[in-house]
């Protein structure tokens, strides 16, 4: 898993070049996004398109979890179990019933 930082955008859409064509975005949690924002993600090859569907743009950089399908286990994004990585401004998604703390988390 790696963290992809996406810069702020004055538009409601941005295209981001991914490192590999088998990367999968975790749609449950965008670290740094304003509360209540509604985003849609689509991947075509190595291009990730992020669209904010409820307004124009966003004021801060956002961070997404990205998993590489060929070398990592992809979590079940519909699961109510969530692994907390201790990222700045990370929030546990709604509907979570169990939180697992990643071994790298030393302080909450």
PDB file of N, CA and C in Angstrom:
ATOM      1  N   UNK A   1       0.843  -1.164   0.000  1.00  0.00           N
ATOM      2  CA  UNK A   1       0.000   0.000   0.000  1.00  0.00           C
ATOM      3  C   UNK A   1       0.887   1.224   0.000  1.00  0.00           C
ATOM      4  N   UNK A   2       0.496   2.187  -0.792  1.00  0.00           N
ATOM      5  CA  UNK A   2       1.195   3.460  -0.762  1.00  0.00           C
ATOM      6  C   UNK A   2       0.155   4.563  -0.673  1.00  0.00           C
ATOM      7  N   UNK A   3       0.597   5.743  -0.296  1.00  0.00           N
ATOM      8  CA  UNK A   3      -0.276   6.901  -0.220  1.00  0.00           C
ATOM      9  C   UNK A   3      -0.023   7.758  -1.448  1.00  0.00           C
ATOM     10  N   UNK A   4      -1.097   8.082  -2.156  1.00  0.00           N
ATOM     11  CA  UNK A   4      -1.030   8.956  -3.316  1.00  0.00           C
ATOM     12  C   UNK A   4      -1.556  10.322  -2.893  1.00  0.00           C
ATOM     13  N   UNK A   5      -0.729  11.342  -3.023  1.00  0.00           N
ATOM     14  CA  UNK A   5      -1.171  12.693  -2.698  1.00  0.00           C
ATOM     15  C   UNK A   5      -1.607  13.395  -3.972  1.00  0.00           C
ATOM     16  N   UNK A   6      -2.837  13.906  -3.942  1.00  0.00           N
ATOM     17  CA  UNK A   6      -3.427  14.605  -5.077  1.00  0.00           C
ATOM     18  C   UNK A   6      -3.528  16.079  -4.701  1.00  0.00           C
ATOM     19  N   UNK A   7      -2.992  16.973  -5.530  1.00  0.00           N
ATOM     20  CA  UNK A   7      -3.001  18.398  -5.175  1.00  0.00           C
ATOM     21  C   UNK A   7      -4.406  18.983  -5.197  1.00  0.00           C
ATOM     22  N   UNK A   8      -4.534  20.154  -4.584  1.00  0.00           N
ATOM     23  CA  UNK A   8      -5.812  20.855  -4.636  1.00  0.00           C
ATOM     24  C   UNK A   8      -6.171  21.137  -6.090  1.00  0.00           C
ATOM     25  N   UNK A   9      -7.463  21.330  -6.336  1.00  0.00           N
ATOM     26  CA  UNK A   9      -7.911  21.554  -7.704  1.00  0.00           C
ATOM     27  C   UNK A   9      -9.023  22.598  -7.717  1.00  0.00           C
ATOM     28  N   UNK A  10      -8.905  23.584  -8.587  1.00  0.00           N
ATOM     29  CA  UNK A  10      -9.951  24.581  -8.745  1.00  0.00           C
ATOM     30  C   UNK A  10     -11.096  24.058  -9.595  1.00  0.00           C
ATOM     31  N   UNK A  11     -10.849  22.955 -10.284  1.00  0.00           N
ATOM     32  CA  UNK A  11     -11.861  22.308 -11.111  1.00  0.00           C
ATOM     33  C   UNK A  11     -12.472  21.169 -10.301  1.00  0.00           C
ATOM     34  N   UNK A  12     -13.585  20.636 -10.757  1.00  0.00           N
ATOM     35  CA  UNK A  12     -14.161  19.495 -10.052  1.00  0.00           C
ATOM     36  C   UNK A  12     -13.608  18.163 -10.564  1.00  0.00           C
ATOM     37  N   UNK A  13     -12.601  18.219 -11.460  1.00  0.00           N
ATOM     38  CA  UNK A  13     -12.023  16.998 -12.023  1.00  0.00           C
ATOM     39  C   UNK A  13     -10.517  17.152 -12.169  1.00  0.00           C
ATOM     40  N   UNK A  14      -9.813  16.044 -11.906  1.00  0.00           N
ATOM     41  CA  UNK A  14      -8.364  16.035 -12.094  1.00  0.00           C
ATOM     42  C   UNK A  14      -7.957  14.641 -12.566  1.00  0.00           C
ATOM     43  N   UNK A  15      -6.978  14.580 -13.459  1.00  0.00           N
ATOM     44  CA  UNK A  15      -6.393  13.319 -13.909  1.00  0.00           C
ATOM     45  C   UNK A  15      -5.023  13.179 -13.266  1.00  0.00           C
ATOM     46  N   UNK A  16      -4.756  11.978 -12.745  1.00  0.00           N
ATOM     47  CA  UNK A  16      -3.501  11.701 -12.057  1.00  0.00           C
ATOM     48  C   UNK A  16      -2.859  10.490 -12.708  1.00  0.00           C
ATOM     49  N   UNK A  17      -1.560  10.574 -12.983  1.00  0.00           N
ATOM     50  CA  UNK A  17      -0.826   9.462 -13.567  1.00  0.00           C
ATOM     51  C   UNK A  17      -0.390   8.517 -12.447  1.00  0.00           C
ATOM     52  N   UNK A  18      -0.842   7.268 -12.517  1.00  0.00           N
ATOM     53  CA  UNK A  18      -0.455   6.260 -11.530  1.00  0.00           C
ATOM     54  C   UNK A  18       0.901   5.664 -11.914  1.00  0.00           C
ATOM     55  N   UNK A  19       1.562   5.029 -10.959  1.00  0.00           N
ATOM     56  CA  UNK A  19       2.872   4.430 -11.226  1.00  0.00           C
ATOM     57  C   UNK A  19       2.765   3.147 -12.051  1.00  0.00           C
ATOM     58  N   UNK A  20       1.665   2.391 -11.853  1.00  0.00           N
ATOM     59  CA  UNK A  20       1.507   1.096 -12.510  1.00  0.00           C
ATOM     60  C   UNK A  20       0.069   0.956 -13.011  1.00  0.00           C
ATOM     61  N   UNK A  21      -0.124   0.119 -14.012  1.00  0.00           N
ATOM     62  CA  UNK A  21      -1.469  -0.029 -14.566  1.00  0.00           C
ATOM     63  C   UNK A  21      -2.332  -1.037 -13.815  1.00  0.00           C
ATOM     64  N   UNK A  22      -1.822  -1.615 -12.725  1.00  0.00           N
ATOM     65  CA  UNK A  22      -2.620  -2.563 -11.942  1.00  0.00           C
ATOM     66  C   UNK A  22      -2.924  -2.028 -10.544  1.00  0.00           C
ATOM     67  N   UNK A  23      -2.866  -0.706 -10.378  1.00  0.00           N
ATOM     68  CA  UNK A  23      -3.127  -0.121  -9.073  1.00  0.00           C
ATOM     69  C   UNK A  23      -4.633   0.039  -8.840  1.00  0.00           C
ATOM     70  N   UNK A  24      -5.024  -0.157  -7.576  1.00  0.00           N
ATOM     71  CA  UNK A  24      -6.420  -0.084  -7.173  1.00  0.00           C
ATOM     72  C   UNK A  24      -6.539   0.972  -6.082  1.00  0.00           C
ATOM     73  N   UNK A  25      -7.524   1.856  -6.213  1.00  0.00           N
ATOM     74  CA  UNK A  25      -7.748   2.942  -5.268  1.00  0.00           C
ATOM     75  C   UNK A  25      -8.743   2.496  -4.210  1.00  0.00           C
ATOM     76  N   UNK A  26      -8.463   2.779  -2.951  1.00  0.00           N
ATOM     77  CA  UNK A  26      -9.399   2.510  -1.863  1.00  0.00           C
ATOM     78  C   UNK A  26     -10.414   3.651  -1.833  1.00  0.00           C
ATOM     79  N   UNK A  27     -11.660   3.417  -2.229  1.00  0.00           N
ATOM     80  CA  UNK A  27     -12.643   4.494  -2.322  1.00  0.00           C
ATOM     81  C   UNK A  27     -13.277   4.868  -0.991  1.00  0.00           C
ATOM     82  N   UNK A  28     -12.970   4.142   0.087  1.00  0.00           N
ATOM     83  CA  UNK A  28     -13.641   4.374   1.360  1.00  0.00           C
ATOM     84  C   UNK A  28     -13.136   5.583   2.107  1.00  0.00           C
ATOM     85  N   UNK A  29     -11.911   5.961   1.881  1.00  0.00           N
ATOM     86  CA  UNK A  29     -11.329   6.954   2.768  1.00  0.00           C
ATOM     87  C   UNK A  29     -10.379   7.848   1.992  1.00  0.00           C
ATOM     88  N   UNK A  30     -10.707   9.112   1.966  1.00  0.00           N
ATOM     89  CA  UNK A  30      -9.821  10.111   1.374  1.00  0.00           C
ATOM     90  C   UNK A  30      -9.311  10.972   2.517  1.00  0.00           C
ATOM     91  N   UNK A  31      -8.069  10.857   2.823  1.00  0.00           N
ATOM     92  CA  UNK A  31      -7.489  11.611   3.931  1.00  0.00           C
ATOM     93  C   UNK A  31      -7.328  13.058   3.493  1.00  0.00           C
ATOM     94  N   UNK A  32      -7.901  13.962   4.251  1.00  0.00           N
ATOM     95  CA  UNK A  32      -7.772  15.387   3.983  1.00  0.00           C
ATOM     96  C   UNK A  32      -8.941  15.990   3.242  1.00  0.00           C
ATOM     97  N   UNK A  33      -9.882  15.172   2.757  1.00  0.00           N
ATOM     98  CA  UNK A  33     -11.048  15.715   2.052  1.00  0.00           C
ATOM     99  C   UNK A  33     -11.997  16.363   3.042  1.00  0.00           C
ATOM    100  N   UNK A  34     -12.642  17.431   2.623  1.00  0.00           N
ATOM    101  CA  UNK A  34     -13.632  18.080   3.473  1.00  0.00           C
ATOM    102  C   UNK A  34     -14.777  17.121   3.754  1.00  0.00           C
ATOM    103  N   UNK A  35     -15.312  17.205   4.957  1.00  0.00           N
ATOM    104  CA  UNK A  35     -16.414  16.336   5.352  1.00  0.00           C
ATOM    105  C   UNK A  35     -17.608  16.539   4.413  1.00  0.00           C
ATOM    106  N   UNK A  36     -18.213  15.449   4.009  1.00  0.00           N
ATOM    107  CA  UNK A  36     -19.392  15.511   3.168  1.00  0.00           C
ATOM    108  C   UNK A  36     -19.117  15.636   1.682  1.00  0.00           C
ATOM    109  N   UNK A  37     -17.864  15.677   1.281  1.00  0.00           N
ATOM    110  CA  UNK A  37     -17.539  15.756  -0.152  1.00  0.00           C
ATOM    111  C   UNK A  37     -17.915  14.448  -0.836  1.00  0.00           C
ATOM    112  N   UNK A  38     -18.371  14.544  -2.064  1.00  0.00           N
ATOM    113  CA  UNK A  38     -18.740  13.360  -2.821  1.00  0.00           C
ATOM    114  C   UNK A  38     -17.824  13.253  -4.042  1.00  0.00           C
ATOM    115  N   UNK A  39     -17.009  12.189  -4.083  1.00  0.00           N
ATOM    116  CA  UNK A  39     -16.044  11.986  -5.157  1.00  0.00           C
ATOM    117  C   UNK A  39     -16.356  10.696  -5.920  1.00  0.00           C
ATOM    118  N   UNK A  40     -15.993  10.684  -7.196  1.00  0.00           N
ATOM    119  CA  UNK A  40     -16.083   9.487  -8.021  1.00  0.00           C
ATOM    120  C   UNK A  40     -14.693   9.227  -8.595  1.00  0.00           C
ATOM    121  N   UNK A  41     -14.309   7.964  -8.661  1.00  0.00           N
ATOM    122  CA  UNK A  41     -13.002   7.569  -9.175  1.00  0.00           C
ATOM    123  C   UNK A  41     -13.184   6.665 -10.377  1.00  0.00           C
ATOM    124  N   UNK A  42     -12.330   6.834 -11.378  1.00  0.00           N
ATOM    125  CA  UNK A  42     -12.282   5.875 -12.483  1.00  0.00           C
ATOM    126  C   UNK A  42     -10.828   5.745 -12.911  1.00  0.00           C
ATOM    127  N   UNK A  43     -10.458   4.533 -13.281  1.00  0.00           N
ATOM    128  CA  UNK A  43      -9.083   4.258 -13.703  1.00  0.00           C
ATOM    129  C   UNK A  43      -9.126   3.689 -15.110  1.00  0.00           C
ATOM    130  N   UNK A  44      -8.308   4.267 -15.981  1.00  0.00           N
ATOM    131  CA  UNK A  44      -8.160   3.783 -17.346  1.00  0.00           C
ATOM    132  C   UNK A  44      -6.666   3.638 -17.600  1.00  0.00           C
ATOM    133  N   UNK A  45      -6.189   2.388 -17.543  1.00  0.00           N
ATOM    134  CA  UNK A  45      -4.743   2.168 -17.659  1.00  0.00           C
ATOM    135  C   UNK A  45      -4.039   2.759 -16.446  1.00  0.00           C
ATOM    136  N   UNK A  46      -3.167   3.720 -16.691  1.00  0.00           N
ATOM    137  CA  UNK A  46      -2.438   4.353 -15.589  1.00  0.00           C
ATOM    138  C   UNK A  46      -3.008   5.727 -15.240  1.00  0.00           C
ATOM    139  N   UNK A  47      -4.153   6.091 -15.798  1.00  0.00           N
ATOM    140  CA  UNK A  47      -4.738   7.396 -15.516  1.00  0.00           C
ATOM    141  C   UNK A  47      -5.916   7.243 -14.548  1.00  0.00           C
ATOM    142  N   UNK A  48      -5.789   7.859 -13.384  1.00  0.00           N
ATOM    143  CA  UNK A  48      -6.852   7.924 -12.395  1.00  0.00           C
ATOM    144  C   UNK A  48      -7.563   9.261 -12.576  1.00  0.00           C
ATOM    145  N   UNK A  49      -8.877   9.228 -12.787  1.00  0.00           N
ATOM    146  CA  UNK A  49      -9.666  10.446 -12.875  1.00  0.00           C
ATOM    147  C   UNK A  49     -10.480  10.571 -11.596  1.00  0.00           C
ATOM    148  N   UNK A  50     -10.322  11.706 -10.919  1.00  0.00           N
ATOM    149  CA  UNK A  50     -11.070  11.994  -9.706  1.00  0.00           C
ATOM    150  C   UNK A  50     -12.027  13.134 -10.031  1.00  0.00           C
ATOM    151  N   UNK A  51     -13.302  12.912  -9.755  1.00  0.00           N
ATOM    152  CA  UNK A  51     -14.319  13.921 -10.028  1.00  0.00           C
ATOM    153  C   UNK A  51     -15.085  14.192  -8.743  1.00  0.00           C
ATOM    154  N   UNK A  52     -15.155  15.463  -8.365  1.00  0.00           N
ATOM    155  CA  UNK A  52     -15.990  15.840  -7.237  1.00  0.00           C
ATOM    156  C   UNK A  52     -17.367  16.139  -7.810  1.00  0.00           C
ATOM    157  N   UNK A  53     -18.370  15.370  -7.396  1.00  0.00           N
ATOM    158  CA  UNK A  53     -19.692  15.462  -8.009  1.00  0.00           C
ATOM    159  C   UNK A  53     -20.627  16.429  -7.298  1.00  0.00           C
ATOM    160  N   UNK A  54     -20.247  16.934  -6.129  1.00  0.00           N
ATOM    161  CA  UNK A  54     -21.143  17.796  -5.358  1.00  0.00           C
ATOM    162  C   UNK A  54     -20.761  19.273  -5.398  1.00  0.00           C
ATOM    163  N   UNK A  55     -19.639  19.625  -6.011  1.00  0.00           N
ATOM    164  CA  UNK A  55     -19.206  21.032  -6.024  1.00  0.00           C
ATOM    165  C   UNK A  55     -18.015  21.187  -6.957  1.00  0.00           C
ATOM    166  N   UNK A  56     -17.518  22.398  -7.039  1.00  0.00           N
ATOM    167  CA  UNK A  56     -16.327  22.693  -7.825  1.00  0.00           C
ATOM    168  C   UNK A  56     -15.082  22.549  -6.957  1.00  0.00           C
ATOM    169  N   UNK A  57     -14.173  21.755  -7.363  1.00  0.00           N
ATOM    170  CA  UNK A  57     -12.835  21.679  -6.789  1.00  0.00           C
ATOM    171  C   UNK A  57     -12.753  21.339  -5.307  1.00  0.00           C
ATOM    172  N   UNK A  58     -11.524  21.377  -4.813  1.00  0.00           N
ATOM    173  CA  UNK A  58     -11.249  21.176  -3.393  1.00  0.00           C
ATOM    174  C   UNK A  58     -10.059  22.039  -3.039  1.00  0.00           C
ATOM    175  N   UNK A  59     -10.014  22.487  -1.779  1.00  0.00           N
ATOM    176  CA  UNK A  59      -9.042  23.491  -1.356  1.00  0.00           C
ATOM    177  C   UNK A  59      -7.734  22.925  -0.827  1.00  0.00           C
ATOM    178  N   UNK A  60      -7.699  21.654  -0.512  1.00  0.00           N
ATOM    179  CA  UNK A  60      -6.507  21.061   0.101  1.00  0.00           C
ATOM    180  C   UNK A  60      -6.083  19.826  -0.675  1.00  0.00           C
ATOM    181  N   UNK A  61      -4.815  19.481  -0.548  1.00  0.00           N
ATOM    182  CA  UNK A  61      -4.357  18.215  -1.113  1.00  0.00           C
ATOM    183  C   UNK A  61      -5.084  17.083  -0.388  1.00  0.00           C
ATOM    184  N   UNK A  62      -5.401  16.042  -1.119  1.00  0.00           N
ATOM    185  CA  UNK A  62      -6.025  14.871  -0.524  1.00  0.00           C
ATOM    186  C   UNK A  62      -5.102  13.681  -0.710  1.00  0.00           C
ATOM    187  N   UNK A  63      -5.220  12.704   0.168  1.00  0.00           N
ATOM    188  CA  UNK A  63      -4.389  11.519   0.090  1.00  0.00           C
ATOM    189  C   UNK A  63      -5.279  10.283  -0.009  1.00  0.00           C
ATOM    190  N   UNK A  64      -4.896   9.386  -0.910  1.00  0.00           N
ATOM    191  CA  UNK A  64      -5.639   8.157  -1.144  1.00  0.00           C
ATOM    192  C   UNK A  64      -4.734   6.963  -0.907  1.00  0.00           C
ATOM    193  N   UNK A  65      -5.325   5.866  -0.473  1.00  0.00           N
ATOM    194  CA  UNK A  65      -4.589   4.615  -0.361  1.00  0.00           C
ATOM    195  C   UNK A  65      -4.628   3.920  -1.715  1.00  0.00           C
ATOM    196  N   UNK A  66      -3.471   3.475  -2.166  1.00  0.00           N
ATOM    197  CA  UNK A  66      -3.358   2.800  -3.461  1.00  0.00           C
ATOM    198  C   UNK A  66      -2.695   1.450  -3.234  1.00  0.00           C
ATOM    199  N   UNK A  67      -3.306   0.409  -3.769  1.00  0.00           N
ATOM    200  CA  UNK A  67      -2.771  -0.947  -3.650  1.00  0.00           C
ATOM    201  C   UNK A  67      -2.377  -1.439  -5.032  1.00  0.00           C
ATOM    202  N   UNK A  68      -1.315  -2.195  -5.100  1.00  0.00           N
ATOM    203  CA  UNK A  68      -0.850  -2.761  -6.370  1.00  0.00           C
ATOM    204  C   UNK A  68      -1.339  -4.200  -6.460  1.00  0.00           C
ATOM    205  N   UNK A  69      -2.216  -4.428  -7.433  1.00  0.00           N
ATOM    206  CA  UNK A  69      -2.878  -5.726  -7.571  1.00  0.00           C
ATOM    207  C   UNK A  69      -1.963  -6.902  -7.790  1.00  0.00           C
ATOM    208  N   UNK A  70      -0.841  -6.704  -8.474  1.00  0.00           N
ATOM    209  CA  UNK A  70       0.029  -7.837  -8.793  1.00  0.00           C
ATOM    210  C   UNK A  70       0.945  -8.232  -7.635  1.00  0.00           C
ATOM    211  N   UNK A  71       1.090  -7.361  -6.640  1.00  0.00           N
ATOM    212  CA  UNK A  71       2.042  -7.670  -5.556  1.00  0.00           C
ATOM    213  C   UNK A  71       1.444  -7.568  -4.151  1.00  0.00           C
ATOM    214  N   UNK A  72       0.205  -7.119  -4.031  1.00  0.00           N
ATOM    215  CA  UNK A  72      -0.398  -6.936  -2.707  1.00  0.00           C
ATOM    216  C   UNK A  72      -1.797  -7.542  -2.668  1.00  0.00           C
ATOM    217  N   UNK A  73      -2.219  -7.925  -1.466  1.00  0.00           N
ATOM    218  CA  UNK A  73      -3.599  -8.338  -1.277  1.00  0.00           C
ATOM    219  C   UNK A  73      -4.459  -7.080  -1.247  1.00  0.00           C
ATOM    220  N   UNK A  74      -5.500  -7.050  -2.055  1.00  0.00           N
ATOM    221  CA  UNK A  74      -6.412  -5.912  -2.101  1.00  0.00           C
ATOM    222  C   UNK A  74      -7.478  -6.132  -1.031  1.00  0.00           C
ATOM    223  N   UNK A  75      -7.671  -5.175  -0.125  1.00  0.00           N
ATOM    224  CA  UNK A  75      -8.702  -5.340   0.898  1.00  0.00           C
ATOM    225  C   UNK A  75     -10.096  -5.387   0.278  1.00  0.00           C
ATOM    226  N   UNK A  76     -11.017  -5.966   1.001  1.00  0.00           N
ATOM    227  CA  UNK A  76     -12.420  -5.949   0.603  1.00  0.00           C
ATOM    228  C   UNK A  76     -12.972  -4.579   0.996  1.00  0.00           C
ATOM    229  N   UNK A  77     -13.165  -3.712   0.006  1.00  0.00           N
ATOM    230  CA  UNK A  77     -13.585  -2.340   0.282  1.00  0.00           C
ATOM    231  C   UNK A  77     -15.030  -2.246   0.756  1.00  0.00           C
ATOM    232  N   UNK A  78     -15.780  -3.350   0.699  1.00  0.00           N
ATOM    233  CA  UNK A  78     -17.152  -3.347   1.208  1.00  0.00           C
ATOM    234  C   UNK A  78     -17.220  -3.884   2.628  1.00  0.00           C
ATOM    235  N   UNK A  79     -16.086  -4.298   3.156  1.00  0.00           N
ATOM    236  CA  UNK A  79     -16.031  -4.865   4.498  1.00  0.00           C
ATOM    237  C   UNK A  79     -16.291  -3.795   5.555  1.00  0.00           C
ATOM    238  N   UNK A  80     -16.819  -4.233   6.695  1.00  0.00           N
ATOM    239  CA  UNK A  80     -17.011  -3.318   7.823  1.00  0.00           C
ATOM    240  C   UNK A  80     -15.788  -3.309   8.736  1.00  0.00           C
ATOM    241  N   UNK A  81     -14.758  -4.070   8.351  1.00  0.00           N
ATOM    242  CA  UNK A  81     -13.487  -4.075   9.083  1.00  0.00           C
ATOM    243  C   UNK A  81     -12.538  -3.110   8.373  1.00  0.00           C
ATOM    244  N   UNK A  82     -11.867  -2.269   9.140  1.00  0.00           N
ATOM    245  CA  UNK A  82     -11.011  -1.231   8.567  1.00  0.00           C
ATOM    246  C   UNK A  82      -9.650  -1.253   9.248  1.00  0.00           C
ATOM    247  N   UNK A  83      -8.587  -1.167   8.466  1.00  0.00           N
ATOM    248  CA  UNK A  83      -7.241  -1.077   9.018  1.00  0.00           C
ATOM    249  C   UNK A  83      -6.846   0.391   9.101  1.00  0.00           C
ATOM    250  N   UNK A  84      -6.548   0.819  10.307  1.00  0.00           N
ATOM    251  CA  UNK A  84      -6.167   2.214  10.570  1.00  0.00           C
ATOM    252  C   UNK A  84      -4.651   2.323  10.486  1.00  0.00           C
ATOM    253  N   UNK A  85      -4.166   3.263   9.641  1.00  0.00           N
ATOM    254  CA  UNK A  85      -2.735   3.424   9.407  1.00  0.00           C
ATOM    255  C   UNK A  85      -2.138   4.594  10.172  1.00  0.00           C
ATOM    256  N   UNK A  86      -2.959   5.383  10.854  1.00  0.00           N
ATOM    257  CA  UNK A  86      -2.439   6.504  11.631  1.00  0.00           C
ATOM    258  C   UNK A  86      -2.006   7.686  10.788  1.00  0.00           C
ATOM    259  N   UNK A  87      -2.620   7.863   9.630  1.00  0.00           N
ATOM    260  CA  UNK A  87      -2.273   8.971   8.755  1.00  0.00           C
ATOM    261  C   UNK A  87      -2.861  10.272   9.288  1.00  0.00           C
ATOM    262  N   UNK A  88      -2.182  11.364   9.023  1.00  0.00           N
ATOM    263  CA  UNK A  88      -2.675  12.672   9.448  1.00  0.00           C
ATOM    264  C   UNK A  88      -4.073  12.891   8.873  1.00  0.00           C
ATOM    265  N   UNK A  89      -5.013  13.266   9.709  1.00  0.00           N
ATOM    266  CA  UNK A  89      -6.409  13.536   9.343  1.00  0.00           C
ATOM    267  C   UNK A  89      -7.154  12.291   8.851  1.00  0.00           C
ATOM    268  N   UNK A  90      -6.636  11.107   9.145  1.00  0.00           N
ATOM    269  CA  UNK A  90      -7.331   9.887   8.727  1.00  0.00           C
ATOM    270  C   UNK A  90      -8.580   9.688   9.575  1.00  0.00           C
ATOM    271  N   UNK A  91      -9.668   9.333   8.923  1.00  0.00           N
ATOM    272  CA  UNK A  91     -10.913   9.040   9.606  1.00  0.00           C
ATOM    273  C   UNK A  91     -11.380   7.655   9.203  1.00  0.00           C
ATOM    274  N   UNK A  92     -11.970   6.958  10.147  1.00  0.00           N
ATOM    275  CA  UNK A  92     -12.501   5.633   9.873  1.00  0.00           C
ATOM    276  C   UNK A  92     -13.812   5.800   9.100  1.00  0.00           C
ATOM    277  N   UNK A  93     -13.999   5.053   8.006  1.00  0.00           N
ATOM    278  CA  UNK A  93     -15.212   5.198   7.200  1.00  0.00           C
ATOM    279  C   UNK A  93     -16.486   4.854   7.978  1.00  0.00           C
ATOM    280  N   UNK A  94     -17.593   5.468   7.582  1.00  0.00           N
ATOM    281  CA  UNK A  94     -18.887   5.147   8.173  1.00  0.00           C
ATOM    282  C   UNK A  94     -19.199   3.678   7.932  1.00  0.00           C
ATOM    283  N   UNK A  95     -19.922   3.076   8.831  1.00  0.00           N
ATOM    284  CA  UNK A  95     -20.312   1.684   8.688  1.00  0.00           C
ATOM    285  C   UNK A  95     -19.283   0.703   9.194  1.00  0.00           C
ATOM    286  N   UNK A  96     -18.146   1.203   9.689  1.00  0.00           N
ATOM    287  CA  UNK A  96     -17.098   0.326  10.208  1.00  0.00           C
ATOM    288  C   UNK A  96     -17.532  -0.243  11.549  1.00  0.00           C
ATOM    289  N   UNK A  97     -17.380  -1.557  11.718  1.00  0.00           N
ATOM    290  CA  UNK A  97     -17.744  -2.191  12.986  1.00  0.00           C
ATOM    291  C   UNK A  97     -16.522  -2.687  13.754  1.00  0.00           C
ATOM    292  N   UNK A  98     -15.387  -2.768  13.069  1.00  0.00           N
ATOM    293  CA  UNK A  98     -14.159  -3.237  13.710  1.00  0.00           C
ATOM    294  C   UNK A  98     -12.977  -2.494  13.105  1.00  0.00           C
ATOM    295  N   UNK A  99     -12.088  -1.977  13.971  1.00  0.00           N
ATOM    296  CA  UNK A  99     -10.886  -1.282  13.519  1.00  0.00           C
ATOM    297  C   UNK A  99      -9.675  -2.098  13.929  1.00  0.00           C
ATOM    298  N   UNK A 100      -8.790  -2.327  12.976  1.00  0.00           N
ATOM    299  CA  UNK A 100      -7.523  -2.995  13.232  1.00  0.00           C
ATOM    300  C   UNK A 100      -6.437  -1.949  13.087  1.00  0.00           C
ATOM    301  N   UNK A 101      -5.558  -1.855  14.067  1.00  0.00           N
ATOM    302  CA  UNK A 101      -4.457  -0.894  13.999  1.00  0.00           C
ATOM    303  C   UNK A 101      -3.278  -1.558  13.312  1.00  0.00           C
ATOM    304  N   UNK A 102      -2.804  -0.915  12.229  1.00  0.00           N
ATOM    305  CA  UNK A 102      -1.651  -1.426  11.515  1.00  0.00           C
ATOM    306  C   UNK A 102      -0.461  -1.433  12.488  1.00  0.00           C
ATOM    307  N   UNK A 103       0.434  -2.440  12.392  1.00  0.00           N
ATOM    308  CA  UNK A 103       1.583  -2.507  13.299  1.00  0.00           C
ATOM    309  C   UNK A 103       2.467  -1.272  13.309  1.00  0.00           C
ATOM    310  N   UNK A 104       2.431  -0.474  12.248  1.00  0.00           N
ATOM    311  CA  UNK A 104       3.266   0.738  12.212  1.00  0.00           C
ATOM    312  C   UNK A 104       2.716   1.859  13.083  1.00  0.00           C
ATOM    313  N   UNK A 105       1.453   1.746  13.552  1.00  0.00           N
ATOM    314  CA  UNK A 105       0.841   2.778  14.392  1.00  0.00           C
ATOM    315  C   UNK A 105       1.394   2.653  15.802  1.00  0.00           C
ATOM    316  N   UNK A 106       2.032   3.721  16.262  1.00  0.00           N
ATOM    317  CA  UNK A 106       2.587   3.721  17.619  1.00  0.00           C
ATOM    318  C   UNK A 106       1.905   4.736  18.517  1.00  0.00           C
ATOM    319  N   UNK A 107       1.219   5.728  17.931  1.00  0.00           N
ATOM    320  CA  UNK A 107       0.545   6.768  18.692  1.00  0.00           C
ATOM    321  C   UNK A 107      -0.763   7.125  18.007  1.00  0.00           C
ATOM    322  N   UNK A 108      -1.792   7.352  18.814  1.00  0.00           N
ATOM    323  CA  UNK A 108      -3.089   7.783  18.255  1.00  0.00           C
ATOM    324  C   UNK A 108      -3.361   9.197  18.705  1.00  0.00           C
TER     325      UNK A 108
END
